[in-house]
Amino acid sequence: LEVFRQVWRSVEFADVCVILVDVRFPPLHLNERLVEMAIESGCVPVVALTKCDLVPARELEGWS
């Protein structure tokens, strides 16, 4: 609960929130609640994919 509060405070004061997502299994790593928090606070959420070199290029095309 304390971590959630700290994240909320940080997002509340930010203009942009960069959310890192492991591209090998995005549903596990993409925290939808964090995206919602960013939008609710007026912050722009940006999803950045990591480990793109570990998956075939055709899988990355769906994210563009």
C-alpha atoms as a PDB file:
ATOM      1  CA  LEU A   1       0.000   0.000   0.000  1.00  0.00           C
ATOM      2  CA  GLU A   2       2.863   2.381   0.779  1.00  0.00           C
ATOM      3  CA  VAL A   3       4.447   1.773  -2.633  1.00  0.00           C
ATOM      4  CA  PHE A   4       1.114   2.585  -4.303  1.00  0.00           C
ATOM      5  CA  ARG A   5       0.957   5.887  -2.406  1.00  0.00           C
ATOM      6  CA  GLN A   6       4.481   6.808  -3.462  1.00  0.00           C
ATOM      7  CA  VAL A   7       3.720   6.000  -7.090  1.00  0.00           C
ATOM      8  CA  TRP A   8       0.505   8.034  -6.961  1.00  0.00           C
ATOM      9  CA  ARG A   9       2.342  11.055  -5.517  1.00  0.00           C
ATOM     10  CA  SER A  10       5.005  10.828  -8.203  1.00  0.00           C
ATOM     11  CA  VAL A  11       2.474  10.519 -11.015  1.00  0.00           C
ATOM     12  CA  GLU A  12       0.421  13.349  -9.568  1.00  0.00           C
ATOM     13  CA  PHE A  13       3.321  15.808  -9.954  1.00  0.00           C
ATOM     14  CA  ALA A  14       4.592  14.498 -13.297  1.00  0.00           C
ATOM     15  CA  ASP A  15       3.775  15.746 -16.777  1.00  0.00           C
ATOM     16  CA  VAL A  16       4.751  12.448 -18.419  1.00  0.00           C
ATOM     17  CA  CYS A  17       4.730   8.913 -17.015  1.00  0.00           C
ATOM     18  CA  VAL A  18       6.977   6.427 -18.841  1.00  0.00           C
ATOM     19  CA  ILE A  19       5.855   2.844 -18.262  1.00  0.00           C
ATOM     20  CA  LEU A  20       8.423   0.178 -19.138  1.00  0.00           C
ATOM     21  CA  VAL A  21       6.957  -3.041 -20.529  1.00  0.00           C
ATOM     22  CA  ASP A  22       8.841  -6.264 -21.252  1.00  0.00           C
ATOM     23  CA  VAL A  23       7.793  -7.038 -24.821  1.00  0.00           C
ATOM     24  CA  ARG A  24       8.163 -10.798 -24.330  1.00  0.00           C
ATOM     25  CA  PHE A  25       4.937 -10.903 -22.290  1.00  0.00           C
ATOM     26  CA  PRO A  26       3.282  -7.466 -22.286  1.00  0.00           C
ATOM     27  CA  PRO A  27       0.012  -8.346 -20.489  1.00  0.00           C
ATOM     28  CA  LEU A  28       2.000  -9.389 -17.432  1.00  0.00           C
ATOM     29  CA  HIS A  29       4.106  -6.231 -17.329  1.00  0.00           C
ATOM     30  CA  LEU A  30       1.672  -3.531 -18.463  1.00  0.00           C
ATOM     31  CA  ASN A  31       0.013  -2.176 -15.343  1.00  0.00           C
ATOM     32  CA  GLU A  32      -3.334  -0.836 -16.541  1.00  0.00           C
ATOM     33  CA  ARG A  33      -4.022   0.791 -13.178  1.00  0.00           C
ATOM     34  CA  LEU A  34      -0.852   2.864 -13.541  1.00  0.00           C
ATOM     35  CA  VAL A  35      -1.997   4.017 -16.982  1.00  0.00           C
ATOM     36  CA  GLU A  36      -5.389   4.967 -15.512  1.00  0.00           C
ATOM     37  CA  MET A  37      -3.724   6.852 -12.643  1.00  0.00           C
ATOM     38  CA  ALA A  38      -1.613   8.811 -15.103  1.00  0.00           C
ATOM     39  CA  ILE A  39      -4.621   9.788 -17.204  1.00  0.00           C
ATOM     40  CA  GLU A  40      -6.706  10.724 -14.147  1.00  0.00           C
ATOM     41  CA  SER A  41      -3.976  13.023 -12.853  1.00  0.00           C
ATOM     42  CA  GLY A  42      -3.561  14.764 -16.206  1.00  0.00           C
ATOM     43  CA  CYS A  43      -0.241  13.086 -16.866  1.00  0.00           C
ATOM     44  CA  VAL A  44       0.599  11.683 -20.326  1.00  0.00           C
ATOM     45  CA  PRO A  45       1.323   7.928 -20.155  1.00  0.00           C
ATOM     46  CA  VAL A  46       4.027   6.675 -22.539  1.00  0.00           C
ATOM     47  CA  VAL A  47       4.529   2.921 -22.910  1.00  0.00           C
ATOM     48  CA  ALA A  48       8.138   2.008 -23.720  1.00  0.00           C
ATOM     49  CA  LEU A  49       8.870  -1.551 -24.802  1.00  0.00           C
ATOM     50  CA  THR A  50      12.025  -3.181 -23.506  1.00  0.00           C
ATOM     51  CA  LYS A  51      13.946  -6.234 -24.717  1.00  0.00           C
ATOM     52  CA  CYS A  52      12.745  -5.724 -28.293  1.00  0.00           C
ATOM     53  CA  ASP A  53      15.807  -7.531 -29.578  1.00  0.00           C
ATOM     54  CA  LEU A  54      14.543 -10.775 -28.014  1.00  0.00           C
ATOM     55  CA  VAL A  55      11.360 -11.138 -30.098  1.00  0.00           C
ATOM     56  CA  PRO A  56      10.760 -11.483 -33.840  1.00  0.00           C
ATOM     57  CA  ALA A  57      10.145  -8.247 -35.746  1.00  0.00           C
ATOM     58  CA  ARG A  58       6.637  -9.359 -36.761  1.00  0.00           C
ATOM     59  CA  GLU A  59       5.575  -9.344 -33.090  1.00  0.00           C
ATOM     60  CA  LEU A  60       6.768  -5.759 -32.710  1.00  0.00           C
ATOM     61  CA  GLU A  61       4.735  -4.539 -35.677  1.00  0.00           C
ATOM     62  CA  GLY A  62       1.523  -4.802 -33.661  1.00  0.00           C
ATOM     63  CA  TRP A  63       2.818  -2.236 -31.173  1.00  0.00           C
ATOM     64  CA  SER A  64       3.609   0.473 -33.701  1.00  0.00           C
END
